[in-house]
């Protein structure tokens, strides 16, 4: 299941979970909506090992500016609270899974 986060819960989420993917999106973004089924599938596949969270940059500008998010969709990958990598645009499930496998050390 995808978790919704905001400016207030962002730091706690990346700190309290070993591997986190934050999907930075906006409601009006068509590619962002197309990415949702992929992220839901990955959330099920990696349940208990990876947290996949959604951050609406339209209402959470502070966090999106902090991480330099300039276009959406943007995926931010965190390991142990530190930004590890990022991807921008509509990316495939297999490409996201490759990144998660690397972060998990599998």
PDB file of N, CA and C in Angstrom:
ATOM      1  N   UNK A   1       0.834  -1.181   0.000  1.00  0.00           N
ATOM      2  CA  UNK A   1       0.000   0.000   0.000  1.00  0.00           C
ATOM      3  C   UNK A   1       0.886   1.254   0.000  1.00  0.00           C
ATOM      4  N   UNK A   2       0.489   2.220  -0.780  1.00  0.00           N
ATOM      5  CA  UNK A   2       1.223   3.481  -0.832  1.00  0.00           C
ATOM      6  C   UNK A   2       0.858   4.323   0.380  1.00  0.00           C
ATOM      7  N   UNK A   3       1.846   4.986   0.910  1.00  0.00           N
ATOM      8  CA  UNK A   3       1.671   5.828   2.084  1.00  0.00           C
ATOM      9  C   UNK A   3       1.752   7.292   1.657  1.00  0.00           C
ATOM     10  N   UNK A   4       0.797   8.105   2.069  1.00  0.00           N
ATOM     11  CA  UNK A   4       0.856   9.540   1.787  1.00  0.00           C
ATOM     12  C   UNK A   4       1.626  10.229   2.898  1.00  0.00           C
ATOM     13  N   UNK A   5       2.561  11.103   2.515  1.00  0.00           N
ATOM     14  CA  UNK A   5       3.329  11.852   3.495  1.00  0.00           C
ATOM     15  C   UNK A   5       3.246  13.332   3.166  1.00  0.00           C
ATOM     16  N   UNK A   6       3.660  14.159   4.116  1.00  0.00           N
ATOM     17  CA  UNK A   6       3.674  15.602   3.918  1.00  0.00           C
ATOM     18  C   UNK A   6       4.944  16.173   4.543  1.00  0.00           C
ATOM     19  N   UNK A   7       5.052  17.492   4.541  1.00  0.00           N
ATOM     20  CA  UNK A   7       6.245  18.129   5.113  1.00  0.00           C
ATOM     21  C   UNK A   7       6.502  17.666   6.544  1.00  0.00           C
ATOM     22  N   UNK A   8       5.438  17.517   7.324  1.00  0.00           N
ATOM     23  CA  UNK A   8       5.584  17.163   8.734  1.00  0.00           C
ATOM     24  C   UNK A   8       6.032  15.720   8.959  1.00  0.00           C
ATOM     25  N   UNK A   9       5.606  14.803   8.100  1.00  0.00           N
ATOM     26  CA  UNK A   9       5.938  13.391   8.311  1.00  0.00           C
ATOM     27  C   UNK A   9       7.113  12.900   7.465  1.00  0.00           C
ATOM     28  N   UNK A  10       7.621  13.733   6.576  1.00  0.00           N
ATOM     29  CA  UNK A  10       8.670  13.315   5.645  1.00  0.00           C
ATOM     30  C   UNK A  10       9.921  12.801   6.365  1.00  0.00           C
ATOM     31  N   UNK A  11      10.507  13.627   7.230  1.00  0.00           N
ATOM     32  CA  UNK A  11      11.756  13.229   7.896  1.00  0.00           C
ATOM     33  C   UNK A  11      11.581  11.973   8.744  1.00  0.00           C
ATOM     34  N   UNK A  12      10.466  11.871   9.425  1.00  0.00           N
ATOM     35  CA  UNK A  12      10.204  10.696  10.250  1.00  0.00           C
ATOM     36  C   UNK A  12      10.113   9.449   9.366  1.00  0.00           C
ATOM     37  N   UNK A  13       9.467   9.571   8.220  1.00  0.00           N
ATOM     38  CA  UNK A  13       9.304   8.424   7.324  1.00  0.00           C
ATOM     39  C   UNK A  13      10.647   7.931   6.806  1.00  0.00           C
ATOM     40  N   UNK A  14      11.502   8.828   6.344  1.00  0.00           N
ATOM     41  CA  UNK A  14      12.788   8.370   5.803  1.00  0.00           C
ATOM     42  C   UNK A  14      13.743   7.924   6.902  1.00  0.00           C
ATOM     43  N   UNK A  15      13.560   8.432   8.108  1.00  0.00           N
ATOM     44  CA  UNK A  15      14.416   8.041   9.235  1.00  0.00           C
ATOM     45  C   UNK A  15      14.017   6.686   9.813  1.00  0.00           C
ATOM     46  N   UNK A  16      12.711   6.421   9.869  1.00  0.00           N
ATOM     47  CA  UNK A  16      12.209   5.229  10.547  1.00  0.00           C
ATOM     48  C   UNK A  16      12.143   3.983   9.672  1.00  0.00           C
ATOM     49  N   UNK A  17      12.479   4.105   8.402  1.00  0.00           N
ATOM     50  CA  UNK A  17      12.421   2.968   7.480  1.00  0.00           C
ATOM     51  C   UNK A  17      13.753   2.854   6.752  1.00  0.00           C
ATOM     52  N   UNK A  18      14.255   1.628   6.602  1.00  0.00           N
ATOM     53  CA  UNK A  18      15.574   1.443   6.004  1.00  0.00           C
ATOM     54  C   UNK A  18      15.632   1.904   4.551  1.00  0.00           C
ATOM     55  N   UNK A  19      14.673   1.462   3.738  1.00  0.00           N
ATOM     56  CA  UNK A  19      14.633   1.841   2.325  1.00  0.00           C
ATOM     57  C   UNK A  19      13.278   2.487   2.040  1.00  0.00           C
ATOM     58  N   UNK A  20      13.323   3.700   1.479  1.00  0.00           N
ATOM     59  CA  UNK A  20      12.109   4.454   1.181  1.00  0.00           C
ATOM     60  C   UNK A  20      12.211   5.022  -0.224  1.00  0.00           C
ATOM     61  N   UNK A  21      11.124   4.905  -0.972  1.00  0.00           N
ATOM     62  CA  UNK A  21      10.991   5.574  -2.261  1.00  0.00           C
ATOM     63  C   UNK A  21       9.898   6.619  -2.082  1.00  0.00           C
ATOM     64  N   UNK A  22      10.225   7.867  -2.382  1.00  0.00           N
ATOM     65  CA  UNK A  22       9.235   8.939  -2.302  1.00  0.00           C
ATOM     66  C   UNK A  22       8.872   9.354  -3.720  1.00  0.00           C
ATOM     67  N   UNK A  23       7.597   9.197  -4.033  1.00  0.00           N
ATOM     68  CA  UNK A  23       7.058   9.611  -5.329  1.00  0.00           C
ATOM     69  C   UNK A  23       6.582  11.048  -5.192  1.00  0.00           C
ATOM     70  N   UNK A  24       7.299  11.970  -5.805  1.00  0.00           N
ATOM     71  CA  UNK A  24       6.910  13.380  -5.805  1.00  0.00           C
ATOM     72  C   UNK A  24       5.999  13.593  -7.008  1.00  0.00           C
ATOM     73  N   UNK A  25       4.790  14.067  -6.748  1.00  0.00           N
ATOM     74  CA  UNK A  25       3.783  14.164  -7.802  1.00  0.00           C
ATOM     75  C   UNK A  25       2.915  15.403  -7.601  1.00  0.00           C
ATOM     76  N   UNK A  26       2.044  15.651  -8.570  1.00  0.00           N
ATOM     77  CA  UNK A  26       0.967  16.630  -8.435  1.00  0.00           C
ATOM     78  C   UNK A  26      -0.303  15.986  -8.973  1.00  0.00           C
ATOM     79  N   UNK A  27      -1.420  16.458  -8.519  1.00  0.00           N
ATOM     80  CA  UNK A  27      -2.713  15.901  -8.940  1.00  0.00           C
ATOM     81  C   UNK A  27      -2.957  16.067 -10.439  1.00  0.00           C
ATOM     82  N   UNK A  28      -2.487  17.153 -11.034  1.00  0.00           N
ATOM     83  CA  UNK A  28      -2.765  17.448 -12.440  1.00  0.00           C
ATOM     84  C   UNK A  28      -1.829  16.732 -13.411  1.00  0.00           C
ATOM     85  N   UNK A  29      -0.841  16.028 -12.914  1.00  0.00           N
ATOM     86  CA  UNK A  29       0.191  15.402 -13.748  1.00  0.00           C
ATOM     87  C   UNK A  29      -0.273  14.033 -14.269  1.00  0.00           C
ATOM     88  N   UNK A  30      -0.458  13.935 -15.581  1.00  0.00           N
ATOM     89  CA  UNK A  30      -0.898  12.683 -16.196  1.00  0.00           C
ATOM     90  C   UNK A  30       0.133  11.552 -16.023  1.00  0.00           C
ATOM     91  N   UNK A  31       1.429  11.780 -16.293  1.00  0.00           N
ATOM     92  CA  UNK A  31       2.412  10.709 -16.062  1.00  0.00           C
ATOM     93  C   UNK A  31       2.445  10.255 -14.597  1.00  0.00           C
ATOM     94  N   UNK A  32       2.186  11.180 -13.677  1.00  0.00           N
ATOM     95  CA  UNK A  32       2.149  10.824 -12.254  1.00  0.00           C
ATOM     96  C   UNK A  32       1.026   9.822 -11.988  1.00  0.00           C
ATOM     97  N   UNK A  33      -0.131  10.055 -12.589  1.00  0.00           N
ATOM     98  CA  UNK A  33      -1.269   9.143 -12.414  1.00  0.00           C
ATOM     99  C   UNK A  33      -0.967   7.784 -13.044  1.00  0.00           C
ATOM    100  N   UNK A  34      -0.266   7.790 -14.176  1.00  0.00           N
ATOM    101  CA  UNK A  34       0.083   6.533 -14.841  1.00  0.00           C
ATOM    102  C   UNK A  34       1.078   5.705 -14.013  1.00  0.00           C
ATOM    103  N   UNK A  35       1.846   6.345 -13.166  1.00  0.00           N
ATOM    104  CA  UNK A  35       2.848   5.665 -12.350  1.00  0.00           C
ATOM    105  C   UNK A  35       2.235   4.968 -11.127  1.00  0.00           C
ATOM    106  N   UNK A  36       1.047   5.373 -10.730  1.00  0.00           N
ATOM    107  CA  UNK A  36       0.427   4.835  -9.513  1.00  0.00           C
ATOM    108  C   UNK A  36       0.293   3.312  -9.524  1.00  0.00           C
ATOM    109  N   UNK A  37      -0.248   2.675 -10.584  1.00  0.00           N
ATOM    110  CA  UNK A  37      -0.352   1.205 -10.560  1.00  0.00           C
ATOM    111  C   UNK A  37       1.008   0.513 -10.424  1.00  0.00           C
ATOM    112  N   UNK A  38       2.023   1.075 -11.034  1.00  0.00           N
ATOM    113  CA  UNK A  38       3.378   0.517 -10.917  1.00  0.00           C
ATOM    114  C   UNK A  38       3.850   0.582  -9.473  1.00  0.00           C
ATOM    115  N   UNK A  39       3.659   1.719  -8.835  1.00  0.00           N
ATOM    116  CA  UNK A  39       4.092   1.877  -7.442  1.00  0.00           C
ATOM    117  C   UNK A  39       3.286   0.991  -6.500  1.00  0.00           C
ATOM    118  N   UNK A  40       1.996   0.836  -6.774  1.00  0.00           N
ATOM    119  CA  UNK A  40       1.178  -0.056  -5.952  1.00  0.00           C
ATOM    120  C   UNK A  40       1.652  -1.498  -6.074  1.00  0.00           C
ATOM    121  N   UNK A  41       1.990  -1.911  -7.283  1.00  0.00           N
ATOM    122  CA  UNK A  41       2.504  -3.261  -7.510  1.00  0.00           C
ATOM    123  C   UNK A  41       3.819  -3.480  -6.754  1.00  0.00           C
ATOM    124  N   UNK A  42       4.706  -2.494  -6.836  1.00  0.00           N
ATOM    125  CA  UNK A  42       5.992  -2.604  -6.135  1.00  0.00           C
ATOM    126  C   UNK A  42       5.803  -2.574  -4.620  1.00  0.00           C
ATOM    127  N   UNK A  43       4.843  -1.799  -4.134  1.00  0.00           N
ATOM    128  CA  UNK A  43       4.577  -1.758  -2.694  1.00  0.00           C
ATOM    129  C   UNK A  43       4.140  -3.137  -2.204  1.00  0.00           C
ATOM    130  N   UNK A  44       3.327  -3.830  -2.986  1.00  0.00           N
ATOM    131  CA  UNK A  44       2.918  -5.189  -2.624  1.00  0.00           C
ATOM    132  C   UNK A  44       4.099  -6.151  -2.693  1.00  0.00           C
ATOM    133  N   UNK A  45       4.869  -6.038  -3.752  1.00  0.00           N
ATOM    134  CA  UNK A  45       6.007  -6.945  -3.980  1.00  0.00           C
ATOM    135  C   UNK A  45       7.087  -6.809  -2.903  1.00  0.00           C
ATOM    136  N   UNK A  46       7.325  -5.592  -2.444  1.00  0.00           N
ATOM    137  CA  UNK A  46       8.388  -5.331  -1.471  1.00  0.00           C
ATOM    138  C   UNK A  46       7.848  -5.040  -0.071  1.00  0.00           C
ATOM    139  N   UNK A  47       6.615  -5.435   0.179  1.00  0.00           N
ATOM    140  CA  UNK A  47       5.987  -5.160   1.472  1.00  0.00           C
ATOM    141  C   UNK A  47       6.851  -5.675   2.625  1.00  0.00           C
ATOM    142  N   UNK A  48       7.030  -4.818   3.621  1.00  0.00           N
ATOM    143  CA  UNK A  48       7.833  -5.174   4.780  1.00  0.00           C
ATOM    144  C   UNK A  48       9.320  -4.898   4.607  1.00  0.00           C
ATOM    145  N   UNK A  49       9.749  -4.615   3.367  1.00  0.00           N
ATOM    146  CA  UNK A  49      11.160  -4.341   3.110  1.00  0.00           C
ATOM    147  C   UNK A  49      11.403  -2.940   2.585  1.00  0.00           C
ATOM    148  N   UNK A  50      10.419  -2.376   1.895  1.00  0.00           N
ATOM    149  CA  UNK A  50      10.541  -1.044   1.295  1.00  0.00           C
ATOM    150  C   UNK A  50       9.266  -0.262   1.586  1.00  0.00           C
ATOM    151  N   UNK A  51       9.428   1.003   1.937  1.00  0.00           N
ATOM    152  CA  UNK A  51       8.290   1.896   2.101  1.00  0.00           C
ATOM    153  C   UNK A  51       8.191   2.765   0.855  1.00  0.00           C
ATOM    154  N   UNK A  52       7.023   2.778   0.246  1.00  0.00           N
ATOM    155  CA  UNK A  52       6.794   3.634  -0.922  1.00  0.00           C
ATOM    156  C   UNK A  52       5.781   4.690  -0.504  1.00  0.00           C
ATOM    157  N   UNK A  53       6.227   5.939  -0.571  1.00  0.00           N
ATOM    158  CA  UNK A  53       5.415   7.054  -0.096  1.00  0.00           C
ATOM    159  C   UNK A  53       5.173   8.056  -1.214  1.00  0.00           C
ATOM    160  N   UNK A  54       4.050   8.758  -1.124  1.00  0.00           N
ATOM    161  CA  UNK A  54       3.685   9.783  -2.102  1.00  0.00           C
ATOM    162  C   UNK A  54       3.712  11.146  -1.426  1.00  0.00           C
ATOM    163  N   UNK A  55       4.327  12.108  -2.106  1.00  0.00           N
ATOM    164  CA  UNK A  55       4.420  13.476  -1.611  1.00  0.00           C
ATOM    165  C   UNK A  55       3.897  14.427  -2.678  1.00  0.00           C
ATOM    166  N   UNK A  56       2.782  15.087  -2.408  1.00  0.00           N
ATOM    167  CA  UNK A  56       2.206  16.058  -3.336  1.00  0.00           C
ATOM    168  C   UNK A  56       3.026  17.338  -3.244  1.00  0.00           C
ATOM    169  N   UNK A  57       3.769  17.639  -4.302  1.00  0.00           N
ATOM    170  CA  UNK A  57       4.648  18.812  -4.230  1.00  0.00           C
ATOM    171  C   UNK A  57       3.877  20.121  -4.341  1.00  0.00           C
ATOM    172  N   UNK A  58       2.628  20.044  -4.779  1.00  0.00           N
ATOM    173  CA  UNK A  58       1.810  21.242  -4.843  1.00  0.00           C
ATOM    174  C   UNK A  58       1.452  21.774  -3.472  1.00  0.00           C
ATOM    175  N   UNK A  59       1.293  20.874  -2.514  1.00  0.00           N
ATOM    176  CA  UNK A  59       0.927  21.276  -1.155  1.00  0.00           C
ATOM    177  C   UNK A  59       2.080  21.109  -0.171  1.00  0.00           C
ATOM    178  N   UNK A  60       3.208  20.602  -0.632  1.00  0.00           N
ATOM    179  CA  UNK A  60       4.376  20.381   0.238  1.00  0.00           C
ATOM    180  C   UNK A  60       5.633  20.939  -0.419  1.00  0.00           C
ATOM    181  N   UNK A  61       5.571  22.207  -0.736  1.00  0.00           N
ATOM    182  CA  UNK A  61       6.668  22.862  -1.459  1.00  0.00           C
ATOM    183  C   UNK A  61       7.984  22.860  -0.676  1.00  0.00           C
ATOM    184  N   UNK A  62       7.905  22.975   0.623  1.00  0.00           N
ATOM    185  CA  UNK A  62       9.123  23.035   1.447  1.00  0.00           C
ATOM    186  C   UNK A  62      10.014  21.810   1.205  1.00  0.00           C
ATOM    187  N   UNK A  63       9.422  20.633   1.254  1.00  0.00           N
ATOM    188  CA  UNK A  63      10.200  19.399   1.069  1.00  0.00           C
ATOM    189  C   UNK A  63      10.658  19.250  -0.369  1.00  0.00           C
ATOM    190  N   UNK A  64       9.795  19.565  -1.318  1.00  0.00           N
ATOM    191  CA  UNK A  64      10.195  19.424  -2.721  1.00  0.00           C
ATOM    192  C   UNK A  64      11.326  20.390  -3.062  1.00  0.00           C
ATOM    193  N   UNK A  65      11.305  21.586  -2.519  1.00  0.00           N
ATOM    194  CA  UNK A  65      12.393  22.546  -2.746  1.00  0.00           C
ATOM    195  C   UNK A  65      13.678  22.080  -2.075  1.00  0.00           C
ATOM    196  N   UNK A  66      13.548  21.522  -0.895  1.00  0.00           N
ATOM    197  CA  UNK A  66      14.715  21.023  -0.154  1.00  0.00           C
ATOM    198  C   UNK A  66      15.499  19.982  -0.956  1.00  0.00           C
ATOM    199  N   UNK A  67      14.767  19.186  -1.740  1.00  0.00           N
ATOM    200  CA  UNK A  67      15.416  18.136  -2.526  1.00  0.00           C
ATOM    201  C   UNK A  67      15.515  18.489  -4.015  1.00  0.00           C
ATOM    202  N   UNK A  68      15.231  19.736  -4.362  1.00  0.00           N
ATOM    203  CA  UNK A  68      15.422  20.207  -5.723  1.00  0.00           C
ATOM    204  C   UNK A  68      14.529  19.556  -6.752  1.00  0.00           C
ATOM    205  N   UNK A  69      13.317  19.202  -6.368  1.00  0.00           N
ATOM    206  CA  UNK A  69      12.383  18.596  -7.311  1.00  0.00           C
ATOM    207  C   UNK A  69      11.851  19.697  -8.222  1.00  0.00           C
ATOM    208  N   UNK A  70      12.183  19.594  -9.507  1.00  0.00           N
ATOM    209  CA  UNK A  70      11.797  20.618 -10.478  1.00  0.00           C
ATOM    210  C   UNK A  70      10.741  20.128 -11.456  1.00  0.00           C
ATOM    211  N   UNK A  71      10.619  18.805 -11.620  1.00  0.00           N
ATOM    212  CA  UNK A  71       9.606  18.256 -12.511  1.00  0.00           C
ATOM    213  C   UNK A  71       9.089  16.953 -11.922  1.00  0.00           C
ATOM    214  N   UNK A  72       7.894  16.576 -12.360  1.00  0.00           N
ATOM    215  CA  UNK A  72       7.254  15.374 -11.841  1.00  0.00           C
ATOM    216  C   UNK A  72       6.810  14.479 -12.990  1.00  0.00           C
ATOM    217  N   UNK A  73       6.691  13.188 -12.747  1.00  0.00           N
ATOM    218  CA  UNK A  73       6.972  12.537 -11.488  1.00  0.00           C
ATOM    219  C   UNK A  73       8.476  12.459 -11.225  1.00  0.00           C
ATOM    220  N   UNK A  74       8.809  12.492  -9.954  1.00  0.00           N
ATOM    221  CA  UNK A  74      10.198  12.340  -9.527  1.00  0.00           C
ATOM    222  C   UNK A  74      10.223  11.330  -8.391  1.00  0.00           C
ATOM    223  N   UNK A  75      11.105  10.361  -8.498  1.00  0.00           N
ATOM    224  CA  UNK A  75      11.262   9.359  -7.453  1.00  0.00           C
ATOM    225  C   UNK A  75      12.563   9.625  -6.710  1.00  0.00           C
ATOM    226  N   UNK A  76      12.462   9.740  -5.397  1.00  0.00           N
ATOM    227  CA  UNK A  76      13.627   9.928  -4.540  1.00  0.00           C
ATOM    228  C   UNK A  76      13.840   8.638  -3.758  1.00  0.00           C
ATOM    229  N   UNK A  77      15.033   8.081  -3.839  1.00  0.00           N
ATOM    230  CA  UNK A  77      15.358   6.823  -3.170  1.00  0.00           C
ATOM    231  C   UNK A  77      16.221   7.115  -1.941  1.00  0.00           C
ATOM    232  N   UNK A  78      15.781   6.639  -0.784  1.00  0.00           N
ATOM    233  CA  UNK A  78      16.502   6.851   0.465  1.00  0.00           C
ATOM    234  C   UNK A  78      16.899   5.520   1.077  1.00  0.00           C
ATOM    235  N   UNK A  79      18.100   5.492   1.629  1.00  0.00           N
ATOM    236  CA  UNK A  79      18.552   4.337   2.400  1.00  0.00           C
ATOM    237  C   UNK A  79      19.093   4.865   3.712  1.00  0.00           C
ATOM    238  N   UNK A  80      18.552   4.353   4.805  1.00  0.00           N
ATOM    239  CA  UNK A  80      18.950   4.772   6.152  1.00  0.00           C
ATOM    240  C   UNK A  80      18.896   6.294   6.312  1.00  0.00           C
ATOM    241  N   UNK A  81      17.857   6.900   5.763  1.00  0.00           N
ATOM    242  CA  UNK A  81      17.633   8.327   5.930  1.00  0.00           C
ATOM    243  C   UNK A  81      18.398   9.238   5.001  1.00  0.00           C
ATOM    244  N   UNK A  82      19.239   8.681   4.139  1.00  0.00           N
ATOM    245  CA  UNK A  82      20.063   9.479   3.226  1.00  0.00           C
ATOM    246  C   UNK A  82      19.596   9.293   1.789  1.00  0.00           C
ATOM    247  N   UNK A  83      19.550  10.385   1.030  1.00  0.00           N
ATOM    248  CA  UNK A  83      19.185  10.305  -0.379  1.00  0.00           C
ATOM    249  C   UNK A  83      20.253   9.513  -1.120  1.00  0.00           C
ATOM    250  N   UNK A  84      19.830   8.461  -1.790  1.00  0.00           N
ATOM    251  CA  UNK A  84      20.752   7.583  -2.501  1.00  0.00           C
ATOM    252  C   UNK A  84      20.763   7.874  -4.002  1.00  0.00           C
ATOM    253  N   UNK A  85      19.568   8.056  -4.573  1.00  0.00           N
ATOM    254  CA  UNK A  85      19.467   8.347  -6.002  1.00  0.00           C
ATOM    255  C   UNK A  85      18.095   8.931  -6.292  1.00  0.00           C
ATOM    256  N   UNK A  86      17.913   9.330  -7.547  1.00  0.00           N
ATOM    257  CA  UNK A  86      16.630   9.892  -7.980  1.00  0.00           C
ATOM    258  C   UNK A  86      16.391   9.557  -9.428  1.00  0.00           C
ATOM    259  N   UNK A  87      15.123   9.557  -9.807  1.00  0.00           N
ATOM    260  CA  UNK A  87      14.711   9.355 -11.191  1.00  0.00           C
ATOM    261  C   UNK A  87      13.609  10.352 -11.478  1.00  0.00           C
ATOM    262  N   UNK A  88      13.592  10.863 -12.691  1.00  0.00           N
ATOM    263  CA  UNK A  88      12.549  11.791 -13.095  1.00  0.00           C
ATOM    264  C   UNK A  88      11.864  11.246 -14.333  1.00  0.00           C
ATOM    265  N   UNK A  89      10.562  11.403 -14.384  1.00  0.00           N
ATOM    266  CA  UNK A  89       9.787  10.949 -15.526  1.00  0.00           C
ATOM    267  C   UNK A  89       9.104   9.625 -15.247  1.00  0.00           C
ATOM    268  N   UNK A  90       8.363   9.169 -16.229  1.00  0.00           N
ATOM    269  CA  UNK A  90       7.634   7.915 -16.124  1.00  0.00           C
ATOM    270  C   UNK A  90       8.611   6.770 -16.382  1.00  0.00           C
ATOM    271  N   UNK A  91       8.920   6.021 -15.354  1.00  0.00           N
ATOM    272  CA  UNK A  91       9.893   4.936 -15.471  1.00  0.00           C
ATOM    273  C   UNK A  91       9.201   3.591 -15.309  1.00  0.00           C
ATOM    274  N   UNK A  92       9.815   2.554 -15.843  1.00  0.00           N
ATOM    275  CA  UNK A  92       9.219   1.220 -15.829  1.00  0.00           C
ATOM    276  C   UNK A  92       9.347   0.565 -14.453  1.00  0.00           C
ATOM    277  N   UNK A  93       8.475  -0.387 -14.226  1.00  0.00           N
ATOM    278  CA  UNK A  93       8.509  -1.147 -12.971  1.00  0.00           C
ATOM    279  C   UNK A  93       9.839  -1.877 -12.827  1.00  0.00           C
ATOM    280  N   UNK A  94      10.347  -2.432 -13.918  1.00  0.00           N
ATOM    281  CA  UNK A  94      11.610  -3.180 -13.840  1.00  0.00           C
ATOM    282  C   UNK A  94      12.775  -2.263 -13.477  1.00  0.00           C
ATOM    283  N   UNK A  95      12.759  -1.039 -13.975  1.00  0.00           N
ATOM    284  CA  UNK A  95      13.840  -0.101 -13.660  1.00  0.00           C
ATOM    285  C   UNK A  95      13.797   0.305 -12.180  1.00  0.00           C
ATOM    286  N   UNK A  96      12.613   0.552 -11.665  1.00  0.00           N
ATOM    287  CA  UNK A  96      12.476   0.880 -10.237  1.00  0.00           C
ATOM    288  C   UNK A  96      12.891  -0.324  -9.398  1.00  0.00           C
ATOM    289  N   UNK A  97      12.477  -1.518  -9.806  1.00  0.00           N
ATOM    290  CA  UNK A  97      12.826  -2.737  -9.076  1.00  0.00           C
ATOM    291  C   UNK A  97      14.342  -2.947  -9.040  1.00  0.00           C
ATOM    292  N   UNK A  98      15.030  -2.624 -10.132  1.00  0.00           N
ATOM    293  CA  UNK A  98      16.497  -2.727 -10.148  1.00  0.00           C
ATOM    294  C   UNK A  98      17.106  -1.830  -9.073  1.00  0.00           C
ATOM    295  N   UNK A  99      16.618  -0.611  -8.978  1.00  0.00           N
ATOM    296  CA  UNK A  99      17.122   0.313  -7.954  1.00  0.00           C
ATOM    297  C   UNK A  99      16.850  -0.226  -6.552  1.00  0.00           C
ATOM    298  N   UNK A 100      15.665  -0.791  -6.345  1.00  0.00           N
ATOM    299  CA  UNK A 100      15.326  -1.313  -5.025  1.00  0.00           C
ATOM    300  C   UNK A 100      16.195  -2.523  -4.673  1.00  0.00           C
ATOM    301  N   UNK A 101      16.450  -3.373  -5.650  1.00  0.00           N
ATOM    302  CA  UNK A 101      17.317  -4.532  -5.426  1.00  0.00           C
ATOM    303  C   UNK A 101      18.713  -4.076  -4.994  1.00  0.00           C
ATOM    304  N   UNK A 102      19.217  -3.042  -5.634  1.00  0.00           N
ATOM    305  CA  UNK A 102      20.526  -2.498  -5.280  1.00  0.00           C
ATOM    306  C   UNK A 102      20.506  -1.939  -3.860  1.00  0.00           C
ATOM    307  N   UNK A 103      19.493  -1.156  -3.548  1.00  0.00           N
ATOM    308  CA  UNK A 103      19.408  -0.571  -2.203  1.00  0.00           C
ATOM    309  C   UNK A 103      19.272  -1.619  -1.124  1.00  0.00           C
ATOM    310  N   UNK A 104      18.564  -2.700  -1.422  1.00  0.00           N
ATOM    311  CA  UNK A 104      18.377  -3.778  -0.455  1.00  0.00           C
ATOM    312  C   UNK A 104      19.582  -4.705  -0.376  1.00  0.00           C
ATOM    313  N   UNK A 105      20.512  -4.562  -1.309  1.00  0.00           N
ATOM    314  CA  UNK A 105      21.696  -5.412  -1.321  1.00  0.00           C
ATOM    315  C   UNK A 105      21.394  -6.839  -1.753  1.00  0.00           C
ATOM    316  N   UNK A 106      20.401  -6.988  -2.613  1.00  0.00           N
ATOM    317  CA  UNK A 106      20.022  -8.338  -3.073  1.00  0.00           C
ATOM    318  C   UNK A 106      20.676  -8.679  -4.394  1.00  0.00           C
TER     319      UNK A 106
END
